[in-house]
């Protein structure tokens, strides 16, 4: 079992920045590929970013490329999502997730094994 707790969400004006954190406890954090997803009201859960176990590989959803950066600190059992140049359409609940599959990167939500409770990000125009 892996427990994930997100933090860092809030209200920010368009063009601003936020950094989300996801703290993991339980089994060895470095053994999991990590991802961030988001879900806006009335929409499906959307892939935002993923990072490999070592942190050497990353991938991003098209809507956030060039603005968001995923990183991880295996010594602190934490994955981060730095969000810059935020737009109102980034408003959503953001979830971190952990995957045990032996792959470098996973973009499908269904392939993740553990999920956090989510943190709200609201971007005002």
C-alpha atoms as a PDB file:
ATOM      1  CA  UNK A   1       0.000   0.000   0.000  1.00  0.00           C
ATOM      2  CA  UNK A   2       1.053   3.552  -0.755  1.00  0.00           C
ATOM      3  CA  UNK A   3      -0.639   6.557   0.786  1.00  0.00           C
ATOM      4  CA  UNK A   4      -0.498   9.810  -1.151  1.00  0.00           C
ATOM      5  CA  UNK A   5      -1.301  13.273   0.195  1.00  0.00           C
ATOM      6  CA  UNK A   6      -1.367  16.310  -2.075  1.00  0.00           C
ATOM      7  CA  UNK A   7      -0.866  19.891  -0.939  1.00  0.00           C
ATOM      8  CA  UNK A   8      -0.180  23.307  -2.399  1.00  0.00           C
ATOM      9  CA  UNK A   9      -3.422  24.001  -4.197  1.00  0.00           C
ATOM     10  CA  UNK A  10      -5.248  27.300  -3.925  1.00  0.00           C
ATOM     11  CA  UNK A  11      -6.527  30.357  -5.715  1.00  0.00           C
ATOM     12  CA  UNK A  12      -4.219  32.202  -8.090  1.00  0.00           C
ATOM     13  CA  UNK A  13      -4.637  34.820 -10.776  1.00  0.00           C
ATOM     14  CA  UNK A  14      -4.079  34.001 -14.426  1.00  0.00           C
ATOM     15  CA  UNK A  15      -0.392  34.164 -15.260  1.00  0.00           C
ATOM     16  CA  UNK A  16       0.605  33.169 -11.759  1.00  0.00           C
ATOM     17  CA  UNK A  17       2.342  30.088 -10.418  1.00  0.00           C
ATOM     18  CA  UNK A  18       1.722  27.328  -7.915  1.00  0.00           C
ATOM     19  CA  UNK A  19       3.725  24.333  -6.807  1.00  0.00           C
ATOM     20  CA  UNK A  20       1.886  21.193  -5.830  1.00  0.00           C
ATOM     21  CA  UNK A  21       3.463  18.559  -3.629  1.00  0.00           C
ATOM     22  CA  UNK A  22       2.513  14.947  -3.127  1.00  0.00           C
ATOM     23  CA  UNK A  23       3.950  13.164  -0.110  1.00  0.00           C
ATOM     24  CA  UNK A  24       4.031   9.384  -0.172  1.00  0.00           C
ATOM     25  CA  UNK A  25       4.175   6.934   2.686  1.00  0.00           C
ATOM     26  CA  UNK A  26       4.114   3.196   2.868  1.00  0.00           C
ATOM     27  CA  UNK A  27       6.136   1.121   0.452  1.00  0.00           C
ATOM     28  CA  UNK A  28       9.336   2.274  -1.209  1.00  0.00           C
ATOM     29  CA  UNK A  29       8.540   5.475  -3.063  1.00  0.00           C
ATOM     30  CA  UNK A  30      11.310   5.040  -5.595  1.00  0.00           C
ATOM     31  CA  UNK A  31       9.706   1.816  -6.742  1.00  0.00           C
ATOM     32  CA  UNK A  32       6.767   3.679  -8.250  1.00  0.00           C
ATOM     33  CA  UNK A  33       6.286   5.687 -11.375  1.00  0.00           C
ATOM     34  CA  UNK A  34       4.413   8.876 -10.409  1.00  0.00           C
ATOM     35  CA  UNK A  35       1.863  10.952 -12.241  1.00  0.00           C
ATOM     36  CA  UNK A  36      -0.360  13.989 -11.927  1.00  0.00           C
ATOM     37  CA  UNK A  37      -3.889  14.130 -13.284  1.00  0.00           C
ATOM     38  CA  UNK A  38      -6.627  16.718 -13.049  1.00  0.00           C
ATOM     39  CA  UNK A  39     -10.372  16.761 -13.270  1.00  0.00           C
ATOM     40  CA  UNK A  40     -12.566  19.765 -13.861  1.00  0.00           C
ATOM     41  CA  UNK A  41     -16.315  19.739 -13.129  1.00  0.00           C
ATOM     42  CA  UNK A  42     -18.202  17.845 -15.789  1.00  0.00           C
ATOM     43  CA  UNK A  43     -15.029  16.647 -17.505  1.00  0.00           C
ATOM     44  CA  UNK A  44     -13.076  13.412 -17.582  1.00  0.00           C
ATOM     45  CA  UNK A  45      -9.876  12.986 -15.629  1.00  0.00           C
ATOM     46  CA  UNK A  46      -7.004  14.352 -17.724  1.00  0.00           C
ATOM     47  CA  UNK A  47      -3.362  13.329 -17.803  1.00  0.00           C
ATOM     48  CA  UNK A  48      -1.088  16.198 -16.763  1.00  0.00           C
ATOM     49  CA  UNK A  49       2.403  14.792 -16.237  1.00  0.00           C
ATOM     50  CA  UNK A  50       4.338  11.672 -15.332  1.00  0.00           C
ATOM     51  CA  UNK A  51       7.857  10.922 -14.129  1.00  0.00           C
ATOM     52  CA  UNK A  52       9.858   7.721 -14.120  1.00  0.00           C
ATOM     53  CA  UNK A  53      11.175   6.082 -10.986  1.00  0.00           C
ATOM     54  CA  UNK A  54      14.612   7.654 -11.266  1.00  0.00           C
ATOM     55  CA  UNK A  55      13.270  10.979 -12.486  1.00  0.00           C
ATOM     56  CA  UNK A  56      15.218  10.744 -15.728  1.00  0.00           C
ATOM     57  CA  UNK A  57      12.114  10.542 -17.933  1.00  0.00           C
ATOM     58  CA  UNK A  58       9.083  12.801 -17.949  1.00  0.00           C
ATOM     59  CA  UNK A  59       6.031  13.334 -20.118  1.00  0.00           C
ATOM     60  CA  UNK A  60       3.338  16.001 -20.230  1.00  0.00           C
ATOM     61  CA  UNK A  61      -0.139  16.494 -21.527  1.00  0.00           C
ATOM     62  CA  UNK A  62      -0.313  18.745 -24.558  1.00  0.00           C
ATOM     63  CA  UNK A  63      -2.252  21.437 -22.711  1.00  0.00           C
ATOM     64  CA  UNK A  64       0.486  21.946 -20.105  1.00  0.00           C
ATOM     65  CA  UNK A  65       3.697  21.404 -22.094  1.00  0.00           C
ATOM     66  CA  UNK A  66       6.126  24.241 -21.608  1.00  0.00           C
ATOM     67  CA  UNK A  67       4.269  25.565 -18.551  1.00  0.00           C
ATOM     68  CA  UNK A  68       4.306  22.715 -16.016  1.00  0.00           C
ATOM     69  CA  UNK A  69       7.264  20.760 -14.677  1.00  0.00           C
ATOM     70  CA  UNK A  70       7.124  17.485 -12.783  1.00  0.00           C
ATOM     71  CA  UNK A  71       9.951  16.445 -10.489  1.00  0.00           C
ATOM     72  CA  UNK A  72      10.544  14.057  -7.631  1.00  0.00           C
ATOM     73  CA  UNK A  73      12.782  13.757  -4.599  1.00  0.00           C
ATOM     74  CA  UNK A  74      13.087  10.082  -3.689  1.00  0.00           C
ATOM     75  CA  UNK A  75      14.913  10.938  -0.466  1.00  0.00           C
ATOM     76  CA  UNK A  76      11.871  12.929   0.660  1.00  0.00           C
ATOM     77  CA  UNK A  77       9.267  10.556  -0.827  1.00  0.00           C
ATOM     78  CA  UNK A  78       7.723  13.503  -2.632  1.00  0.00           C
ATOM     79  CA  UNK A  79       6.703  14.379  -6.164  1.00  0.00           C
ATOM     80  CA  UNK A  80       6.146  17.963  -7.256  1.00  0.00           C
ATOM     81  CA  UNK A  81       4.276  19.778  -9.976  1.00  0.00           C
ATOM     82  CA  UNK A  82       5.499  23.291 -10.698  1.00  0.00           C
ATOM     83  CA  UNK A  83       2.785  25.161 -12.569  1.00  0.00           C
ATOM     84  CA  UNK A  84       3.649  28.425 -14.295  1.00  0.00           C
ATOM     85  CA  UNK A  85       1.707  30.760 -16.572  1.00  0.00           C
ATOM     86  CA  UNK A  86      -1.530  29.430 -15.196  1.00  0.00           C
ATOM     87  CA  UNK A  87      -4.716  29.869 -17.171  1.00  0.00           C
ATOM     88  CA  UNK A  88      -8.359  29.768 -16.084  1.00  0.00           C
ATOM     89  CA  UNK A  89      -8.718  26.492 -17.976  1.00  0.00           C
ATOM     90  CA  UNK A  90      -6.187  24.935 -15.586  1.00  0.00           C
ATOM     91  CA  UNK A  91      -8.830  25.136 -12.867  1.00  0.00           C
ATOM     92  CA  UNK A  92      -9.450  21.608 -11.592  1.00  0.00           C
ATOM     93  CA  UNK A  93      -8.873  19.187  -8.777  1.00  0.00           C
ATOM     94  CA  UNK A  94      -5.340  17.870  -9.142  1.00  0.00           C
ATOM     95  CA  UNK A  95      -4.507  14.304  -8.151  1.00  0.00           C
ATOM     96  CA  UNK A  96      -1.207  12.541  -7.788  1.00  0.00           C
ATOM     97  CA  UNK A  97      -0.981   8.844  -8.498  1.00  0.00           C
ATOM     98  CA  UNK A  98       1.495   5.995  -8.200  1.00  0.00           C
ATOM     99  CA  UNK A  99       1.949   3.114 -10.621  1.00  0.00           C
ATOM    100  CA  UNK A 100       3.700  -0.204 -10.070  1.00  0.00           C
ATOM    101  CA  UNK A 101       3.828  -1.340 -13.704  1.00  0.00           C
ATOM    102  CA  UNK A 102       7.374  -1.840 -15.041  1.00  0.00           C
ATOM    103  CA  UNK A 103       7.279   1.037 -17.530  1.00  0.00           C
ATOM    104  CA  UNK A 104       9.108   4.327 -17.810  1.00  0.00           C
ATOM    105  CA  UNK A 105       6.045   6.488 -18.306  1.00  0.00           C
ATOM    106  CA  UNK A 106       2.303   5.860 -17.997  1.00  0.00           C
ATOM    107  CA  UNK A 107      -0.366   8.263 -19.211  1.00  0.00           C
ATOM    108  CA  UNK A 108      -3.509   6.172 -18.684  1.00  0.00           C
ATOM    109  CA  UNK A 109      -5.269   6.774 -15.396  1.00  0.00           C
ATOM    110  CA  UNK A 110      -6.462   3.181 -15.245  1.00  0.00           C
ATOM    111  CA  UNK A 111      -2.860   1.939 -15.079  1.00  0.00           C
ATOM    112  CA  UNK A 112      -2.179   3.749 -11.801  1.00  0.00           C
ATOM    113  CA  UNK A 113      -2.609   1.790  -8.602  1.00  0.00           C
ATOM    114  CA  UNK A 114      -2.809   4.446  -5.892  1.00  0.00           C
ATOM    115  CA  UNK A 115      -4.355   7.907  -5.768  1.00  0.00           C
ATOM    116  CA  UNK A 116      -4.321  10.871  -3.458  1.00  0.00           C
ATOM    117  CA  UNK A 117      -7.425  12.706  -2.323  1.00  0.00           C
ATOM    118  CA  UNK A 118      -6.818  15.670  -4.616  1.00  0.00           C
ATOM    119  CA  UNK A 119      -6.132  19.355  -4.154  1.00  0.00           C
ATOM    120  CA  UNK A 120      -8.163  22.175  -5.690  1.00  0.00           C
ATOM    121  CA  UNK A 121      -6.489  24.646  -8.028  1.00  0.00           C
ATOM    122  CA  UNK A 122      -8.526  27.664  -9.073  1.00  0.00           C
ATOM    123  CA  UNK A 123      -7.208  30.180 -11.579  1.00  0.00           C
ATOM    124  CA  UNK A 124      -9.085  33.448 -11.820  1.00  0.00           C
ATOM    125  CA  UNK A 125      -9.138  35.554 -14.977  1.00  0.00           C
END
